[in-house]
Amino acid sequence: MSSAVASRRAALLVAAAGFLLLTPSHVQAQWWKRAPVDFEECADAAEKAATKAEKTSALADCNAKFAGRRKPGGGYSYYDFLQDRTFDIAGPNPTPEEQKKIDESYTAYLANQRRSNEAAEATARQQREQMERQAQQLQHVAMRTEVERVPIPVERPKVQQTVGQRKGAPCTKGSFSCEWPRLSESLNDLKKLFNPTPSKPARKG
């Protein structure tokens, strides 16, 4: 974590150096005047600059010189943009002890961020694995359903014909049970034709 703190300090130093480079030489030449004690006093003096450009440069110089801001009830507060957090400090700038606490807080902040990221990754991994298991289960159910839908060929039941079918009941054409009644009637007709019934003699009156 020391490298993270070092990079943080380096970023703050680069920003401060940039603000100082933007400050005009004639603003820094006013060394004989009483130096401002905090950002607010410095900003009030910058408001009296002759031009807008000088005012902007002077405010940038104030921001580089003073990290703290006055609190309404007294004392100062320091906003660390890397942590998005405000710290209470005694003066217009953090003391070495206060800066150490801010750095320690930043180290803890990075550790919490890492744990949060790891927890989020673990949760996402569990959700992804659960979705994959559900997809496999759905695929297995779908395949089993498709197998059950395949029709199994069933042997057609054989219709058994009885010899003594009821009269008027449907029968198979050409079967003995259907043709026998007609043959029997034809034989009876032939018998009547060749053997006529003798007529009775008429009674005499």
Protein backbone atom coordinates (compact mmCIF):
# COMPACT_ATOMS: atom_id res chain seq x y z
CA MET A 1 0.00 0.00 0.00
CA SER A 2 3.04 2.33 0.40
CA SER A 3 3.26 2.67 -3.39
CA ALA A 4 -0.38 3.78 -3.53
CA VAL A 5 0.22 6.43 -0.86
CA ALA A 6 3.38 7.57 -2.65
CA SER A 7 1.52 7.91 -5.94
CA ARG A 8 -1.19 9.88 -4.18
CA ARG A 9 1.34 12.31 -2.75
CA ALA A 10 3.05 12.61 -6.12
CA ALA A 11 -0.28 13.50 -7.75
CA LEU A 12 -0.89 16.23 -5.17
CA LEU A 13 2.62 17.65 -5.64
CA VAL A 14 2.23 17.72 -9.43
CA ALA A 15 -1.08 19.57 -9.08
CA ALA A 16 0.46 22.10 -6.71
CA ALA A 17 3.42 22.66 -9.02
CA GLY A 18 1.08 23.23 -11.94
CA PHE A 19 -0.85 25.87 -10.03
CA LEU A 20 2.36 27.67 -9.09
CA LEU A 21 3.57 27.74 -12.69
CA LEU A 22 0.33 29.41 -13.76
CA THR A 23 0.76 32.21 -11.21
CA PRO A 24 2.05 35.50 -12.79
CA SER A 25 5.35 36.84 -11.54
CA HIS A 26 3.86 40.18 -10.52
CA VAL A 27 1.43 38.45 -8.17
CA GLN A 28 4.31 36.69 -6.39
CA ALA A 29 6.21 39.97 -6.32
CA GLN A 30 3.81 41.30 -3.67
CA TRP A 31 5.95 39.68 -0.94
CA TRP A 32 6.02 42.84 1.16
CA LYS A 33 2.32 42.51 1.95
CA ARG A 34 1.14 40.33 4.84
CA ALA A 35 0.76 36.76 3.66
CA PRO A 36 -2.76 35.26 3.94
CA VAL A 37 -3.22 32.79 6.77
CA ASP A 38 -5.70 30.46 5.05
CA PHE A 39 -7.52 29.82 1.79
CA GLU A 40 -10.42 32.14 2.51
CA GLU A 41 -8.16 35.12 3.26
CA CYS A 42 -6.11 34.34 0.17
CA ALA A 43 -9.26 34.10 -1.96
CA ASP A 44 -10.48 37.47 -0.68
CA ALA A 45 -7.21 39.04 -1.80
CA ALA A 46 -7.44 37.30 -5.17
CA GLU A 47 -10.88 38.83 -5.74
CA LYS A 48 -9.20 42.26 -5.85
CA ALA A 49 -7.06 41.35 -8.84
CA ALA A 50 -7.20 43.84 -11.73
CA THR A 51 -8.10 41.38 -14.51
CA LYS A 52 -10.01 38.11 -14.75
CA ALA A 53 -6.86 36.23 -15.76
CA GLU A 54 -4.97 37.55 -12.71
CA LYS A 55 -7.90 36.62 -10.47
CA THR A 56 -7.96 33.07 -11.85
CA SER A 57 -4.19 32.68 -11.38
CA ALA A 58 -4.37 34.06 -7.84
CA LEU A 59 -7.16 31.65 -6.87
CA ALA A 60 -5.14 28.75 -8.29
CA ASP A 61 -2.21 29.88 -6.13
CA CYS A 62 -4.47 29.97 -3.06
CA ASN A 63 -5.73 26.48 -3.78
CA ALA A 64 -2.15 25.19 -4.07
CA LYS A 65 -1.01 26.84 -0.83
CA PHE A 66 -3.94 25.86 1.40
CA ALA A 67 -5.54 22.41 1.40
CA GLY A 68 -7.98 23.09 4.24
CA ARG A 69 -11.19 25.10 4.26
CA ARG A 70 -12.69 27.02 7.14
CA LYS A 71 -15.55 25.39 9.04
CA PRO A 72 -18.47 27.53 10.24
CA GLY A 73 -17.97 26.49 13.88
CA GLY A 74 -14.20 26.94 13.82
CA GLY A 75 -11.32 24.82 12.70
CA TYR A 76 -10.72 23.50 9.20
CA SER A 77 -11.69 20.55 7.02
CA TYR A 78 -9.68 18.80 4.35
CA TYR A 79 -11.38 17.07 1.40
CA ASP A 80 -9.49 14.09 -0.04
CA PHE A 81 -10.84 13.58 -3.55
CA LEU A 82 -9.14 10.17 -3.82
CA GLN A 83 -11.33 8.84 -0.99
CA ASP A 84 -14.25 11.21 -1.58
CA ARG A 85 -14.12 12.01 2.12
CA THR A 86 -13.64 15.04 4.37
CA PHE A 87 -11.28 15.10 7.38
CA ASP A 88 -11.20 17.57 10.26
CA ILE A 89 -7.84 19.31 10.67
CA ALA A 90 -6.61 21.92 13.13
CA GLY A 91 -5.10 24.46 10.71
CA PRO A 92 -5.33 25.54 7.06
CA ASN A 93 -3.10 22.59 6.08
CA PRO A 94 -2.84 19.08 7.53
CA THR A 95 -0.05 18.56 10.05
CA PRO A 96 2.34 15.61 9.50
CA GLU A 97 0.36 13.60 12.06
CA GLU A 98 -2.94 14.48 10.38
CA GLN A 99 -1.49 13.66 6.95
CA LYS A 100 -0.37 10.27 8.32
CA LYS A 101 -3.92 9.52 9.47
CA ILE A 102 -5.27 10.57 6.07
CA ASP A 103 -2.79 8.26 4.34
CA GLU A 104 -3.72 5.38 6.67
CA SER A 105 -7.36 5.99 5.92
CA TYR A 106 -6.56 5.90 2.21
CA THR A 107 -4.76 2.56 2.66
CA ALA A 108 -7.83 1.14 4.47
CA TYR A 109 -10.04 2.61 1.74
CA LEU A 110 -8.06 0.74 -0.93
CA ALA A 111 -8.28 -2.50 1.08
CA ASN A 112 -12.05 -2.12 1.40
CA GLN A 113 -12.33 -1.42 -2.32
CA ARG A 114 -10.32 -4.56 -3.09
CA ARG A 115 -12.50 -6.68 -0.79
CA SER A 116 -15.64 -5.22 -2.32
CA ASN A 117 -14.37 -5.98 -5.81
CA GLU A 118 -13.45 -9.54 -4.84
CA ALA A 119 -16.88 -10.08 -3.25
CA ALA A 120 -18.59 -8.70 -6.34
CA GLU A 121 -16.52 -10.98 -8.58
CA ALA A 122 -17.34 -14.00 -6.38
CA THR A 123 -21.05 -13.18 -6.49
CA ALA A 124 -20.96 -12.77 -10.25
CA ARG A 125 -19.09 -16.07 -10.61
CA GLN A 126 -21.67 -17.89 -8.44
CA GLN A 127 -24.53 -16.41 -10.44
CA ARG A 128 -22.86 -17.44 -13.70
CA GLU A 129 -22.32 -21.00 -12.45
CA GLN A 130 -25.93 -21.19 -11.24
CA MET A 131 -27.20 -20.01 -14.64
CA GLU A 132 -25.04 -22.63 -16.38
CA ARG A 133 -26.43 -25.39 -14.12
CA GLN A 134 -29.98 -24.26 -14.79
CA ALA A 135 -29.30 -24.22 -18.53
CA GLN A 136 -27.92 -27.78 -18.36
CA GLN A 137 -30.97 -28.95 -16.38
CA LEU A 138 -33.34 -27.35 -18.88
CA GLN A 139 -31.47 -28.97 -21.76
CA HIS A 140 -31.66 -32.37 -20.04
CA VAL A 141 -35.42 -31.99 -19.45
CA ALA A 142 -35.94 -30.90 -23.06
CA MET A 143 -34.05 -33.93 -24.41
CA ARG A 144 -36.00 -36.31 -22.16
CA THR A 145 -39.29 -34.74 -23.28
CA GLU A 146 -38.34 -35.17 -26.92
CA VAL A 147 -37.61 -38.87 -26.34
CA GLU A 148 -40.99 -39.35 -24.64
CA ARG A 149 -42.77 -37.68 -27.56
CA VAL A 150 -41.51 -40.25 -30.12
CA PRO A 151 -44.51 -42.56 -30.84
CA ILE A 152 -43.96 -46.28 -30.33
CA PRO A 153 -45.59 -48.40 -33.11
CA VAL A 154 -48.44 -50.48 -31.71
CA GLU A 155 -49.54 -53.70 -33.40
CA ARG A 156 -53.01 -53.41 -34.84
CA PRO A 157 -55.46 -55.71 -33.03
CA LYS A 158 -56.77 -58.61 -35.09
CA VAL A 159 -60.51 -58.81 -35.53
CA GLN A 160 -61.69 -62.32 -34.78
CA GLN A 161 -64.68 -63.49 -36.78
CA THR A 162 -66.99 -65.99 -35.23
CA VAL A 163 -68.78 -68.60 -37.26
CA GLY A 164 -72.10 -67.92 -35.68
CA GLN A 165 -72.34 -64.17 -36.32
CA ARG A 166 -75.60 -62.52 -35.48
CA LYS A 167 -77.93 -61.82 -38.26
CA GLY A 168 -77.53 -58.39 -39.68
CA ALA A 169 -74.11 -58.01 -38.11
CA PRO A 170 -71.38 -56.88 -40.51
CA CYS A 171 -69.10 -59.60 -41.78
CA THR A 172 -66.05 -59.90 -43.96
CA LYS A 173 -66.82 -60.38 -47.64
CA GLY A 174 -65.95 -63.87 -48.86
CA SER A 175 -65.90 -65.45 -45.38
CA PHE A 176 -67.72 -68.72 -44.84
CA SER A 177 -69.90 -67.31 -42.10
CA CYS A 178 -71.28 -64.64 -44.43
CA GLU A 179 -71.62 -66.78 -47.59
CA TRP A 180 -73.23 -69.87 -45.98
CA PRO A 181 -76.71 -68.38 -45.38
CA ARG A 182 -76.98 -67.35 -49.04
CA LEU A 183 -75.78 -70.74 -50.25
CA SER A 184 -78.28 -72.48 -48.00
CA GLU A 185 -81.16 -70.43 -49.41
CA SER A 186 -80.07 -71.21 -52.98
CA LEU A 187 -79.98 -74.96 -52.25
CA ASN A 188 -83.48 -74.81 -50.82
CA ASP A 189 -84.73 -73.08 -53.95
CA LEU A 190 -83.19 -75.80 -56.14
CA LYS A 191 -84.81 -78.51 -54.08
CA LYS A 192 -88.21 -76.89 -54.51
CA LEU A 193 -87.63 -76.62 -58.23
CA PHE A 194 -86.84 -80.33 -58.73
CA ASN A 195 -89.14 -81.67 -56.09
CA PRO A 196 -92.36 -79.72 -56.38
CA THR A 197 -94.87 -80.19 -53.62
CA PRO A 198 -97.75 -82.54 -54.89
CA SER A 199 -100.99 -80.72 -55.16
CA LYS A 200 -103.88 -82.04 -53.09
CA PRO A 201 -106.81 -83.59 -55.04
CA ALA A 202 -109.88 -81.53 -55.08
CA ARG A 203 -112.68 -82.77 -52.82
CA LYS A 204 -115.75 -84.02 -54.53
CA GLY A 205 -118.83 -82.27 -53.65
